[in-house]
């Protein structure tokens, strides 16, 4: 219902000149006084056929509603517009359009659209009404309908190319790329160098894998906007995708010939060599690239890092990344950064011995680089070389006296993972209990996470819970803290609803994590929800996790569900794993 108009502070009426009213009348398009009935229209009641007094009344009502809308009294305007009696479609369409606009201003989208659709049905040739309805459809995310309406508006107003452009974009939003392409083609028929239309068409053709067409569009775009390096890189990639490798190489080499420091072109060229198995070409070109790099070898290192990272997802890049890093080590033996990247690559390949050697070389060349010491300690822990780990920490403390807190966290972590949780807790406590803001949040999170684990291993479970709570104060979405706190509560039989919330959130963040699924299953078990526990624990085992605890939880759940054979099988597996390391 509209608000009580009596609560609105009354204002003095403005005496507007008659000419101003005429302008307003023309803008609304609501020519009540002059509207003539359609040919052959036998209906009665048309305002054009009403007596002058009725015509004047309708005009005054429409002006009143328009003024109410202008002042922000949209409900009042709607009520006023609704009282206007019209007979001709054009007049009714104007009223429906005005009501639609008022509802749109009130953000009442459904009503705005109903009246907008009515206006368009009554006067389909009015481009203004149709575009208004198209905008409403877009706001309601009905992109297909919006596209159809913009097409209707374009037919009514063919000179306005921006309407066609809006239609094409609505088709894109509606995930109807082929239809969007058709509209962009119409735009380019009018202006074959329209850069916006060419850019959109190129993107759609690539998405639809129409590479030959995309190459043609890109050449047109280059002619329109200039021969930019970015466009030529895209052209090379399209040649590559089209199976025209030599043309791609020629394109990349052309860019490099003009700008020897064009790293994206070099990377694209190296990638092509790798995928086509041209190792000899790759080696020669990587050496060429390194030779033209500035005295600071950072650019060559960064390119090698790019391919090292790619190798983590695709083994095709493993050997080429190793080759690049070997080249760097040979050509720049005195640069610590080379060995840091090389060591990180070796760690991802589980080559812990070579990684330790690389990190050792890095800290020898640059003892002030704390990341080198941290990585050296991590490699030592993977090698289970305890003397090496603590020798590295001792050397780091001497080399970096101002990094005392960070190195204390590293030492605590190392003690925790080499079987000394009590000592780890003593070292970590002064760091972990510092106030938020007094230290980098990441370091505080690391300190509290390690401290919580140390407390747990020494049987101080309540303190462990406090440390995990501090982690969640610093990072509310820390999945590890949520999981471990949930498991701690489940084991203690306390705060089980809170434990359920934490466990569910952890699984939402990492749905394939077998440990997290086991925790959620165990919380359900402790709550007596045995079917839910079965579902989560079976999912945990399906991930490939091999831990005594998980099988024991599964066995106990089968017992509760009255499946003794399955329970015995799971408990036998759990007993067979006692004392054995878990296998993820």
Protein backbone atom coordinates (compact mmCIF):
# COMPACT_ATOMS: atom_id res chain seq x y z
CA UNK A 1 0.00 0.00 0.00
CA UNK A 2 1.19 3.56 -0.65
CA UNK A 3 2.30 5.57 2.36
CA UNK A 4 -0.14 8.00 3.96
CA UNK A 5 0.26 11.16 1.92
CA UNK A 6 -0.82 13.23 4.91
CA UNK A 7 2.50 12.49 6.58
CA UNK A 8 4.37 14.17 3.78
CA UNK A 9 5.19 17.79 4.57
CA UNK A 10 3.06 19.95 2.33
CA UNK A 11 4.82 22.43 0.09
CA UNK A 12 3.50 25.46 -1.68
CA UNK A 13 2.48 24.77 -5.25
CA UNK A 14 4.82 26.17 -7.86
CA UNK A 15 3.32 28.37 -10.50
CA UNK A 16 4.85 27.01 -13.68
CA UNK A 17 4.64 28.85 -16.97
CA UNK A 18 2.34 27.32 -19.55
CA UNK A 19 5.23 26.75 -21.97
CA UNK A 20 7.02 24.54 -19.37
CA UNK A 21 3.94 22.33 -19.14
CA UNK A 22 3.88 21.96 -22.90
CA UNK A 23 7.54 20.79 -22.89
CA UNK A 24 6.77 18.27 -20.16
CA UNK A 25 3.82 17.03 -22.18
CA UNK A 26 5.98 16.48 -25.27
CA UNK A 27 8.63 14.60 -23.29
CA UNK A 28 6.13 12.11 -21.88
CA UNK A 29 4.72 11.35 -25.31
CA UNK A 30 1.26 11.20 -23.81
CA UNK A 31 -0.75 13.35 -26.25
CA UNK A 32 -4.15 12.73 -24.74
CA UNK A 33 -5.73 15.81 -26.21
CA UNK A 34 -4.64 15.14 -29.78
CA UNK A 35 -4.69 11.34 -30.03
CA UNK A 36 -6.83 10.21 -32.94
CA UNK A 37 -8.48 6.78 -33.10
CA UNK A 38 -7.01 4.18 -35.40
CA UNK A 39 -8.59 3.79 -38.79
CA UNK A 40 -11.71 1.69 -38.56
CA UNK A 41 -11.66 1.72 -34.76
CA UNK A 42 -15.29 1.52 -33.68
CA UNK A 43 -14.52 1.58 -29.96
CA UNK A 44 -15.98 4.36 -27.91
CA UNK A 45 -14.41 6.15 -24.99
CA UNK A 46 -11.21 7.30 -26.77
CA UNK A 47 -9.90 10.43 -25.13
CA UNK A 48 -9.69 12.00 -28.54
CA UNK A 49 -13.46 11.54 -28.70
CA UNK A 50 -14.12 12.71 -25.15
CA UNK A 51 -15.45 16.15 -24.44
CA UNK A 52 -12.86 18.88 -23.76
CA UNK A 53 -13.47 18.75 -20.02
CA UNK A 54 -12.64 15.01 -19.92
CA UNK A 55 -9.58 15.55 -22.06
CA UNK A 56 -8.42 18.34 -19.78
CA UNK A 57 -9.01 16.12 -16.73
CA UNK A 58 -6.87 13.34 -18.19
CA UNK A 59 -4.12 15.78 -19.06
CA UNK A 60 -4.14 17.27 -15.58
CA UNK A 61 -4.03 13.80 -13.99
CA UNK A 62 -1.05 12.73 -16.10
CA UNK A 63 0.83 15.95 -15.30
CA UNK A 64 0.05 15.47 -11.62
CA UNK A 65 1.39 11.91 -11.68
CA UNK A 66 4.50 13.06 -13.52
CA UNK A 67 5.15 15.75 -10.91
CA UNK A 68 4.64 13.25 -8.09
CA UNK A 69 7.21 10.94 -9.69
CA UNK A 70 9.63 13.85 -10.16
CA UNK A 71 9.34 14.66 -6.43
CA UNK A 72 9.93 11.02 -5.44
CA UNK A 73 6.33 10.27 -4.45
CA UNK A 74 6.25 7.14 -6.59
CA UNK A 75 3.35 5.44 -4.79
CA UNK A 76 1.27 8.59 -5.20
CA UNK A 77 2.22 8.76 -8.88
CA UNK A 78 1.19 5.13 -9.39
CA UNK A 79 -2.22 5.75 -7.80
CA UNK A 80 -2.72 8.86 -9.95
CA UNK A 81 -1.73 7.09 -13.18
CA UNK A 82 -4.05 4.19 -12.39
CA UNK A 83 -7.04 6.56 -12.26
CA UNK A 84 -6.53 7.71 -15.84
CA UNK A 85 -9.15 6.18 -18.15
CA UNK A 86 -7.86 5.56 -21.66
CA UNK A 87 -9.20 3.75 -24.67
CA UNK A 88 -6.54 3.95 -27.40
CA UNK A 89 -3.52 1.60 -27.20
CA UNK A 90 -1.03 4.47 -27.48
CA UNK A 91 -2.54 6.30 -24.52
CA UNK A 92 -2.78 3.12 -22.41
CA UNK A 93 0.83 2.26 -23.31
CA UNK A 94 2.03 5.65 -22.05
CA UNK A 95 0.22 5.16 -18.74
CA UNK A 96 1.59 1.61 -18.32
CA UNK A 97 5.10 2.84 -19.13
CA UNK A 98 4.84 5.60 -16.52
CA UNK A 99 3.61 3.12 -13.89
CA UNK A 100 6.47 0.77 -14.79
CA UNK A 101 9.00 3.59 -14.36
CA UNK A 102 7.57 4.44 -10.94
CA UNK A 103 7.74 0.79 -9.78
CA UNK A 104 11.30 0.57 -11.10
CA UNK A 105 12.23 3.63 -9.03
CA UNK A 106 10.79 1.82 -5.98
CA UNK A 107 12.88 -1.29 -6.87
CA UNK A 108 9.68 -3.33 -7.20
CA UNK A 109 11.06 -5.23 -10.16
CA UNK A 110 8.22 -7.71 -10.77
CA UNK A 111 5.52 -5.02 -10.95
CA UNK A 112 7.76 -2.78 -13.05
CA UNK A 113 8.21 -5.60 -15.53
CA UNK A 114 4.51 -6.50 -15.68
CA UNK A 115 3.57 -2.94 -16.60
CA UNK A 116 6.56 -2.60 -18.93
CA UNK A 117 5.49 -5.73 -20.82
CA UNK A 118 1.96 -4.31 -21.07
CA UNK A 119 3.30 -1.03 -22.51
CA UNK A 120 5.28 -2.91 -25.16
CA UNK A 121 2.32 -5.10 -26.11
CA UNK A 122 0.19 -2.00 -26.58
CA UNK A 123 2.82 -0.06 -28.56
CA UNK A 124 5.44 -2.49 -29.88
CA UNK A 125 6.96 0.10 -32.18
CA UNK A 126 7.95 2.49 -29.39
CA UNK A 127 11.72 1.99 -29.04
CA UNK A 128 11.77 3.92 -25.77
CA UNK A 129 9.33 1.52 -24.11
CA UNK A 130 11.09 -1.54 -25.48
CA UNK A 131 14.53 -0.42 -24.28
CA UNK A 132 13.12 0.33 -20.82
CA UNK A 133 11.71 -3.20 -20.64
CA UNK A 134 15.03 -4.63 -21.90
CA UNK A 135 16.85 -2.88 -19.05
CA UNK A 136 14.37 -4.34 -16.56
CA UNK A 137 14.88 -7.84 -18.01
CA UNK A 138 18.65 -7.37 -17.73
CA UNK A 139 18.40 -6.28 -14.08
CA UNK A 140 16.35 -9.42 -13.39
CA UNK A 141 19.08 -11.47 -15.16
CA UNK A 142 16.69 -12.60 -17.90
CA UNK A 143 19.38 -11.92 -20.49
CA UNK A 144 17.73 -13.87 -23.30
CA UNK A 145 14.56 -11.77 -23.08
CA UNK A 146 16.66 -8.60 -22.85
CA UNK A 147 18.47 -9.59 -26.06
CA UNK A 148 15.17 -10.17 -27.88
CA UNK A 149 13.87 -6.79 -26.73
CA UNK A 150 17.00 -4.96 -27.85
CA UNK A 151 16.58 -6.66 -31.22
CA UNK A 152 13.01 -5.35 -31.36
CA UNK A 153 14.23 -1.85 -30.42
CA UNK A 154 16.95 -2.00 -33.07
CA UNK A 155 14.35 -2.87 -35.73
CA UNK A 156 12.30 0.15 -34.66
CA UNK A 157 15.32 2.46 -34.49
CA UNK A 158 17.85 1.03 -37.01
CA UNK A 159 20.20 4.01 -37.01
CA UNK A 160 21.22 3.56 -33.36
CA UNK A 161 24.07 1.05 -33.41
CA UNK A 162 24.44 1.13 -29.62
CA UNK A 163 21.13 -0.76 -29.36
CA UNK A 164 22.59 -3.60 -31.45
CA UNK A 165 25.68 -3.58 -29.27
CA UNK A 166 23.49 -3.96 -26.18
CA UNK A 167 21.70 -6.87 -27.82
CA UNK A 168 24.98 -8.64 -28.56
CA UNK A 169 26.17 -8.22 -24.97
CA UNK A 170 22.88 -9.62 -23.66
CA UNK A 171 23.40 -12.71 -25.82
CA UNK A 172 26.89 -13.02 -24.33
CA UNK A 173 25.42 -12.80 -20.82
CA UNK A 174 22.80 -15.41 -21.77
CA UNK A 175 25.61 -17.76 -22.90
CA UNK A 176 24.37 -17.70 -26.50
CA UNK A 177 27.68 -16.87 -28.21
CA UNK A 178 26.66 -17.84 -31.74
CA UNK A 179 23.76 -15.38 -31.69
CA UNK A 180 26.03 -12.72 -30.20
CA UNK A 181 28.44 -13.28 -33.09
CA UNK A 182 25.64 -12.73 -35.59
CA UNK A 183 24.81 -9.37 -34.04
CA UNK A 184 28.46 -8.26 -33.95
CA UNK A 185 28.65 -9.20 -37.65
CA UNK A 186 25.75 -6.83 -38.33
CA UNK A 187 27.61 -4.08 -36.49
CA UNK A 188 30.74 -4.73 -38.55
CA UNK A 189 28.71 -4.60 -41.75
CA UNK A 190 28.04 -0.98 -40.83
CA UNK A 191 31.60 -0.20 -39.72
CA UNK A 192 34.19 -2.85 -40.54
CA UNK A 193 36.76 -1.14 -38.29
CA UNK A 194 34.60 -0.96 -35.14
CA UNK A 195 37.24 -1.91 -32.54
CA UNK A 196 34.75 -2.73 -29.78
CA UNK A 197 32.80 -5.09 -32.00
CA UNK A 198 35.97 -6.68 -33.39
CA UNK A 199 37.35 -7.27 -29.87
CA UNK A 200 34.14 -8.90 -28.70
CA UNK A 201 33.88 -10.99 -31.86
CA UNK A 202 37.47 -12.18 -31.43
CA UNK A 203 36.81 -13.26 -27.86
CA UNK A 204 33.68 -15.17 -28.87
CA UNK A 205 35.37 -16.89 -31.80
CA UNK A 206 38.20 -18.05 -29.54
CA UNK A 207 35.67 -19.30 -26.98
CA UNK A 208 33.88 -21.24 -29.73
CA UNK A 209 37.25 -22.50 -31.06
CA UNK A 210 36.67 -20.94 -34.46
CA UNK A 211 40.35 -20.21 -34.85
CA UNK A 212 40.55 -19.46 -38.60
CA UNK A 213 37.72 -16.96 -38.23
CA UNK A 214 39.45 -15.52 -35.15
CA UNK A 215 42.66 -15.03 -37.15
CA UNK A 216 40.75 -13.08 -39.79
CA UNK A 217 39.07 -10.95 -37.11
CA UNK A 218 42.40 -10.33 -35.39
CA UNK A 219 43.95 -9.13 -38.63
CA UNK A 220 41.03 -6.71 -39.05
CA UNK A 221 41.45 -5.56 -35.46
CA UNK A 222 45.16 -5.00 -36.04
CA UNK A 223 44.36 -2.87 -39.07
CA UNK A 224 41.90 -0.84 -36.98
CA UNK A 225 43.92 -0.34 -33.81
CA UNK A 226 47.55 -0.70 -34.84
CA UNK A 227 50.09 -3.50 -34.84
CA UNK A 228 50.41 -3.87 -31.05
CA UNK A 229 52.62 -6.50 -29.43
CA UNK A 230 49.69 -7.89 -27.46
CA UNK A 231 47.63 -8.46 -30.61
CA UNK A 232 50.56 -10.13 -32.36
CA UNK A 233 51.06 -12.44 -29.38
CA UNK A 234 47.41 -13.43 -29.63
CA UNK A 235 47.87 -14.01 -33.36
CA UNK A 236 50.79 -16.34 -32.65
CA UNK A 237 48.68 -18.28 -30.15
CA UNK A 238 45.86 -18.59 -32.70
CA UNK A 239 48.29 -19.93 -35.31
CA UNK A 240 49.46 -22.42 -32.69
CA UNK A 241 45.89 -23.48 -31.85
CA UNK A 242 45.15 -23.84 -35.57
CA UNK A 243 48.04 -26.25 -36.00
CA UNK A 244 50.16 -23.69 -37.87
CA UNK A 245 53.22 -24.00 -35.64
CA UNK A 246 55.73 -22.50 -38.06
CA UNK A 247 53.59 -19.39 -38.53
CA UNK A 248 53.34 -19.11 -34.74
CA UNK A 249 57.14 -19.31 -34.42
CA UNK A 250 57.54 -16.72 -37.15
CA UNK A 251 55.15 -14.40 -35.32
CA UNK A 252 56.92 -14.77 -31.97
CA UNK A 253 60.34 -14.35 -33.55
CA UNK A 254 59.11 -11.21 -35.29
CA UNK A 255 58.11 -9.70 -31.93
CA UNK A 256 61.47 -10.66 -30.41
CA UNK A 257 63.38 -9.17 -33.34
CA UNK A 258 61.76 -5.81 -32.58
CA UNK A 259 62.01 -6.10 -28.79
CA UNK A 260 64.58 -8.54 -27.40
CA UNK A 261 63.17 -8.07 -23.90
CA UNK A 262 59.61 -9.14 -24.84
CA UNK A 263 59.31 -11.82 -22.15
CA UNK A 264 55.76 -12.98 -23.09
CA UNK A 265 56.92 -13.72 -26.64
CA UNK A 266 59.91 -15.70 -25.34
CA UNK A 267 57.67 -17.68 -22.95
CA UNK A 268 55.20 -18.45 -25.75
CA UNK A 269 58.06 -19.57 -27.98
CA UNK A 270 59.54 -21.82 -25.27
CA UNK A 271 56.11 -23.30 -24.56
CA UNK A 272 55.64 -24.13 -28.24
CA UNK A 273 59.07 -25.79 -28.40
CA UNK A 274 58.24 -27.89 -25.34
CA UNK A 275 54.85 -29.03 -26.63
CA UNK A 276 56.29 -29.97 -30.02
CA UNK A 277 59.20 -31.84 -28.42
CA UNK A 278 61.89 -29.58 -29.89
CA UNK A 279 64.38 -29.78 -27.00
CA UNK A 280 67.38 -28.64 -29.04
CA UNK A 281 65.55 -25.53 -30.20
CA UNK A 282 64.45 -24.86 -26.61
CA UNK A 283 68.01 -25.03 -25.23
CA UNK A 284 69.42 -22.75 -27.91
CA UNK A 285 66.65 -20.21 -27.55
CA UNK A 286 66.78 -20.21 -23.75
CA UNK A 287 70.50 -19.50 -23.93
CA UNK A 288 69.79 -16.73 -26.43
CA UNK A 289 67.19 -15.27 -24.09
CA UNK A 290 69.52 -15.37 -21.09
CA UNK A 291 72.28 -13.74 -23.14
CA UNK A 292 70.12 -10.73 -24.02
CA UNK A 293 68.82 -10.35 -20.46
CA UNK A 294 70.26 -7.45 -18.44
CA UNK A 295 73.13 -8.02 -15.99
CA UNK A 296 70.52 -8.78 -13.33
CA UNK A 297 69.52 -12.36 -14.13
CA UNK A 298 66.13 -11.95 -12.45
CA UNK A 299 64.20 -12.14 -15.71
CA UNK A 300 65.76 -15.46 -16.70
CA UNK A 301 65.08 -16.83 -13.22
CA UNK A 302 61.44 -15.76 -13.38
CA UNK A 303 60.92 -17.53 -16.72
CA UNK A 304 62.47 -20.71 -15.31
CA UNK A 305 60.16 -20.38 -12.30
CA UNK A 306 57.13 -20.17 -14.61
CA UNK A 307 57.94 -23.53 -16.16
CA UNK A 308 58.87 -25.04 -12.79
CA UNK A 309 55.39 -24.14 -11.50
CA UNK A 310 53.78 -25.57 -14.64
CA UNK A 311 55.62 -28.82 -14.04
CA UNK A 312 53.67 -29.28 -10.80
CA UNK A 313 50.48 -29.71 -12.87
CA UNK A 314 51.88 -31.20 -16.06
CA UNK A 315 54.89 -33.54 -16.19
CA UNK A 316 55.54 -32.43 -19.78
CA UNK A 317 57.30 -29.38 -18.30
CA UNK A 318 59.43 -31.23 -15.75
CA UNK A 319 62.46 -31.98 -17.89
CA UNK A 320 62.47 -28.55 -19.64
CA UNK A 321 62.24 -26.77 -16.25
CA UNK A 322 65.14 -28.86 -14.95
CA UNK A 323 67.14 -28.00 -18.07
CA UNK A 324 66.51 -24.27 -17.64
CA UNK A 325 67.56 -24.41 -13.99
CA UNK A 326 70.69 -26.37 -14.86
CA UNK A 327 71.55 -23.74 -17.49
CA UNK A 328 71.08 -20.97 -14.94
CA UNK A 329 73.25 -22.75 -12.36
CA UNK A 330 75.98 -23.16 -14.98
CA UNK A 331 75.80 -19.59 -16.32
CA UNK A 332 75.18 -17.80 -13.00
CA UNK A 333 76.84 -19.88 -10.26
CA UNK A 334 77.13 -16.92 -7.90
CA UNK A 335 73.46 -15.92 -7.77
CA UNK A 336 71.64 -17.26 -4.70
CA UNK A 337 68.23 -16.76 -6.31
CA UNK A 338 69.01 -19.43 -8.89
CA UNK A 339 69.52 -22.00 -6.13
CA UNK A 340 66.41 -20.96 -4.24
CA UNK A 341 64.26 -21.60 -7.33
CA UNK A 342 66.15 -24.78 -8.13
CA UNK A 343 65.73 -26.05 -4.56
CA UNK A 344 61.99 -25.31 -4.58
CA UNK A 345 61.63 -27.23 -7.85
CA UNK A 346 63.55 -30.18 -6.40
CA UNK A 347 61.37 -30.17 -3.27
CA UNK A 348 58.19 -30.48 -5.39
CA UNK A 349 59.81 -33.47 -7.13
CA UNK A 350 60.64 -35.00 -3.69
CA UNK A 351 64.33 -34.77 -4.51
CA UNK A 352 65.17 -33.79 -0.93
CA UNK A 353 68.91 -34.46 -1.06
CA UNK A 354 69.52 -32.24 -4.12
CA UNK A 355 67.12 -29.66 -2.66
CA UNK A 356 69.13 -29.50 0.57
CA UNK A 357 72.29 -28.99 -1.50
CA UNK A 358 70.65 -26.19 -3.51
CA UNK A 359 69.38 -24.40 -0.41
CA UNK A 360 72.75 -24.88 1.29
CA UNK A 361 74.43 -23.20 -1.68
CA UNK A 362 71.85 -20.36 -1.55
CA UNK A 363 72.50 -19.54 2.14
CA UNK A 364 76.25 -19.74 1.61
CA UNK A 365 75.99 -17.15 -1.17
CA UNK A 366 73.41 -15.02 0.66
CA UNK A 367 73.32 -15.71 4.43
CA UNK A 368 70.90 -12.84 4.99
CA UNK A 369 68.07 -14.53 3.03
CA UNK A 370 65.80 -16.02 5.71
CA UNK A 371 63.71 -17.98 3.17
CA UNK A 372 66.85 -19.93 2.23
CA UNK A 373 67.39 -21.04 5.83
CA UNK A 374 63.74 -21.98 6.27
CA UNK A 375 63.77 -24.07 3.11
CA UNK A 376 67.03 -25.73 4.13
CA UNK A 377 65.45 -26.76 7.45
CA UNK A 378 62.38 -28.14 5.64
CA UNK A 379 64.57 -30.21 3.34
CA UNK A 380 66.45 -31.54 6.38
CA UNK A 381 63.19 -32.52 8.06
CA UNK A 382 62.11 -34.42 4.94
CA UNK A 383 65.48 -36.20 4.98
CA UNK A 384 65.02 -36.90 8.73
CA UNK A 385 68.52 -35.48 9.22
CA UNK A 386 68.09 -34.03 12.71
CA UNK A 387 71.71 -32.82 13.15
CA UNK A 388 71.54 -30.98 9.83
CA UNK A 389 68.23 -29.33 10.80
CA UNK A 390 69.45 -27.87 14.07
CA UNK A 391 72.86 -26.98 12.70
CA UNK A 392 71.08 -24.92 10.05
CA UNK A 393 68.89 -23.21 12.68
CA UNK A 394 71.94 -22.37 14.78
CA UNK A 395 73.75 -20.87 11.79
CA UNK A 396 70.61 -18.91 10.82
CA UNK A 397 70.39 -17.37 14.30
CA UNK A 398 73.97 -16.15 14.05
CA UNK A 399 73.47 -14.79 10.54
CA UNK A 400 70.09 -13.15 11.24
CA UNK A 401 69.95 -11.87 14.84
CA UNK A 402 67.06 -9.53 14.01
CA UNK A 403 64.90 -12.47 12.85
CA UNK A 404 64.80 -13.97 16.33
CA UNK A 405 61.00 -14.44 16.51
CA UNK A 406 60.67 -15.91 13.03
CA UNK A 407 63.53 -18.32 13.69
CA UNK A 408 61.99 -19.27 17.05
CA UNK A 409 58.85 -20.34 15.22
CA UNK A 410 61.01 -22.34 12.81
CA UNK A 411 62.88 -23.97 15.70
CA UNK A 412 59.62 -24.82 17.48
CA UNK A 413 58.26 -26.39 14.31
CA UNK A 414 61.47 -28.43 13.90
CA UNK A 415 61.37 -29.63 17.52
CA UNK A 416 57.72 -30.63 17.14
CA UNK A 417 58.51 -32.69 14.04
CA UNK A 418 61.62 -34.34 15.49
CA UNK A 419 59.93 -35.73 18.59
CA UNK A 420 60.39 -32.95 21.17
CA UNK A 421 56.92 -31.41 21.61
CA UNK A 422 57.51 -30.21 25.19
CA UNK A 423 60.61 -28.24 24.16
CA UNK A 424 58.74 -26.97 21.11
CA UNK A 425 55.95 -25.63 23.35
CA UNK A 426 58.41 -23.77 25.60
CA UNK A 427 59.99 -22.03 22.60
CA UNK A 428 56.70 -21.26 20.84
CA UNK A 429 54.69 -19.94 23.82
CA UNK A 430 56.36 -16.49 24.03
CA UNK A 431 55.72 -15.92 20.32
CA UNK A 432 52.24 -17.46 20.03
CA UNK A 433 50.79 -15.52 22.97
CA UNK A 434 51.82 -12.09 21.66
CA UNK A 435 48.97 -9.67 20.99
CA UNK A 436 47.46 -9.45 17.54
CA UNK A 437 49.14 -6.64 15.63
CA UNK A 438 52.42 -6.95 17.51
CA UNK A 439 53.68 -9.44 14.93
CA UNK A 440 52.90 -10.49 11.37
CA UNK A 441 49.60 -12.45 11.37
CA UNK A 442 51.03 -15.25 9.24
CA UNK A 443 53.83 -15.80 11.74
CA UNK A 444 51.37 -15.75 14.67
CA UNK A 445 49.20 -18.34 12.89
CA UNK A 446 52.22 -20.58 12.30
CA UNK A 447 53.32 -20.23 15.92
CA UNK A 448 49.88 -21.04 17.35
CA UNK A 449 49.29 -23.95 14.98
CA UNK A 450 52.58 -25.59 15.94
CA UNK A 451 51.98 -24.80 19.64
CA UNK A 452 48.50 -26.37 19.51
CA UNK A 453 49.99 -29.55 18.04
CA UNK A 454 52.74 -29.57 20.67
CA UNK A 455 50.17 -29.24 23.47
CA UNK A 456 48.09 -32.02 21.93
CA UNK A 457 51.07 -34.36 21.76
CA UNK A 458 51.88 -33.70 25.43
CA UNK A 459 48.29 -34.31 26.57
CA UNK A 460 47.41 -30.67 27.28
CA UNK A 461 44.28 -30.73 25.14
CA UNK A 462 42.51 -27.74 26.65
CA UNK A 463 45.55 -25.56 25.97
CA UNK A 464 45.66 -26.95 22.46
CA UNK A 465 42.06 -25.79 21.97
CA UNK A 466 42.96 -22.29 23.17
CA UNK A 467 45.82 -22.09 20.67
CA UNK A 468 43.60 -23.23 17.80
CA UNK A 469 41.01 -20.62 18.86
CA UNK A 470 43.70 -17.95 18.56
CA UNK A 471 44.41 -19.17 15.04
CA UNK A 472 40.72 -18.76 14.14
CA UNK A 473 40.71 -15.25 15.61
CA UNK A 474 43.48 -14.42 13.15
CA UNK A 475 42.04 -16.41 10.23
CA UNK A 476 38.37 -17.36 10.52
CA UNK A 477 38.63 -19.64 7.46
CA UNK A 478 41.67 -21.65 8.56
CA UNK A 479 40.58 -25.17 7.62
CA UNK A 480 43.32 -26.96 9.57
CA UNK A 481 42.47 -25.15 12.82
CA UNK A 482 38.74 -25.79 12.37
CA UNK A 483 39.33 -29.48 11.68
CA UNK A 484 41.73 -30.03 14.56
CA UNK A 485 39.58 -28.10 17.02
CA UNK A 486 36.54 -30.10 15.95
CA UNK A 487 38.43 -33.36 16.46
CA UNK A 488 39.68 -32.22 19.87
CA UNK A 489 36.10 -31.42 20.96
CA UNK A 490 34.88 -34.77 19.63
CA UNK A 491 37.56 -36.64 21.54
CA UNK A 492 36.76 -34.72 24.71
CA UNK A 493 33.01 -35.09 24.17
CA UNK A 494 32.44 -31.37 24.61
CA UNK A 495 30.88 -28.60 22.50
CA UNK A 496 29.78 -31.14 19.90
CA UNK A 497 27.49 -28.78 17.97
CA UNK A 498 30.36 -26.32 17.66
CA UNK A 499 32.58 -29.22 16.60
CA UNK A 500 30.03 -30.17 13.92
CA UNK A 501 30.02 -26.62 12.54
CA UNK A 502 33.83 -26.47 12.44
CA UNK A 503 34.14 -29.91 10.82
CA UNK A 504 31.53 -29.12 8.17
CA UNK A 505 33.23 -25.83 7.31
CA UNK A 506 36.61 -27.54 7.01
CA UNK A 507 35.15 -30.13 4.61
CA UNK A 508 33.48 -27.39 2.58
CA UNK A 509 36.87 -25.74 2.15
CA UNK A 510 38.67 -29.01 1.32
CA UNK A 511 36.06 -31.60 0.27
CA UNK A 512 38.63 -34.19 -0.86
CA UNK A 513 40.71 -34.10 2.33
CA UNK A 514 40.46 -37.57 3.89
CA UNK A 515 41.53 -36.36 7.34
CA UNK A 516 38.82 -33.69 7.37
CA UNK A 517 36.17 -36.18 6.21
CA UNK A 518 37.24 -38.53 9.01
CA UNK A 519 36.86 -35.75 11.59
CA UNK A 520 33.35 -34.89 10.35
CA UNK A 521 32.42 -38.58 10.45
CA UNK A 522 33.75 -38.94 13.98
CA UNK A 523 31.82 -35.88 15.19
CA UNK A 524 28.63 -37.39 13.73
CA UNK A 525 29.47 -40.62 15.57
CA UNK A 526 29.86 -38.79 18.88
CA UNK A 527 26.49 -37.11 18.27
CA UNK A 528 24.85 -40.49 17.66
CA UNK A 529 24.23 -39.83 13.95
CA UNK A 530 25.65 -43.15 12.78
CA UNK A 531 24.34 -43.11 9.19
CA UNK A 532 25.87 -39.67 8.66
CA UNK A 533 29.07 -40.95 10.26
CA UNK A 534 29.14 -43.94 7.89
CA UNK A 535 28.73 -41.66 4.84
CA UNK A 536 31.63 -39.37 5.80
CA UNK A 537 33.99 -42.14 6.94
CA UNK A 538 33.42 -44.19 3.79
CA UNK A 539 34.20 -41.04 1.77
CA UNK A 540 37.37 -40.58 3.84
CA UNK A 541 38.58 -44.11 3.10
CA UNK A 542 37.69 -43.66 -0.59
CA UNK A 543 40.21 -40.77 -0.79
CA UNK A 544 43.00 -43.32 -0.27
CA UNK A 545 43.93 -42.32 3.29
CA UNK A 546 45.58 -45.14 5.24
CA UNK A 547 45.48 -44.30 8.94
CA UNK A 548 44.79 -46.58 11.88
CA UNK A 549 42.44 -44.02 13.43
CA UNK A 550 40.20 -43.76 10.36
CA UNK A 551 39.69 -47.53 10.14
CA UNK A 552 39.03 -47.71 13.88
CA UNK A 553 36.35 -45.02 13.56
CA UNK A 554 34.82 -46.90 10.63
CA UNK A 555 34.80 -50.15 12.60
CA UNK A 556 33.06 -48.58 15.59
CA UNK A 557 30.47 -47.01 13.30
CA UNK A 558 29.68 -50.38 11.66
CA UNK A 559 29.28 -51.86 15.15
CA UNK A 560 26.66 -49.23 16.00
CA UNK A 561 24.86 -49.92 12.72
CA UNK A 562 24.66 -53.65 13.45
CA UNK A 563 27.16 -54.79 10.80
CA UNK A 564 29.62 -56.93 12.80
CA UNK A 565 31.47 -58.48 9.83
CA UNK A 566 32.31 -55.10 8.35
CA UNK A 567 33.22 -53.80 11.80
CA UNK A 568 35.65 -56.68 12.38
CA UNK A 569 37.26 -56.14 8.96
CA UNK A 570 37.86 -52.45 9.68
CA UNK A 571 39.19 -53.05 13.20
CA UNK A 572 41.56 -55.76 11.92
CA UNK A 573 42.91 -53.27 9.36
CA UNK A 574 43.35 -50.70 12.11
CA UNK A 575 45.25 -53.16 14.32
CA UNK A 576 47.45 -54.10 11.36
CA UNK A 577 48.47 -50.43 10.99
CA UNK A 578 49.63 -49.91 14.59
CA UNK A 579 53.01 -48.28 14.66
CA UNK A 580 53.10 -47.83 10.89
CA UNK A 581 53.32 -44.39 9.28
CA UNK A 582 50.16 -43.16 7.57
CA UNK A 583 50.00 -43.21 3.79
CA UNK A 584 48.01 -40.32 2.26
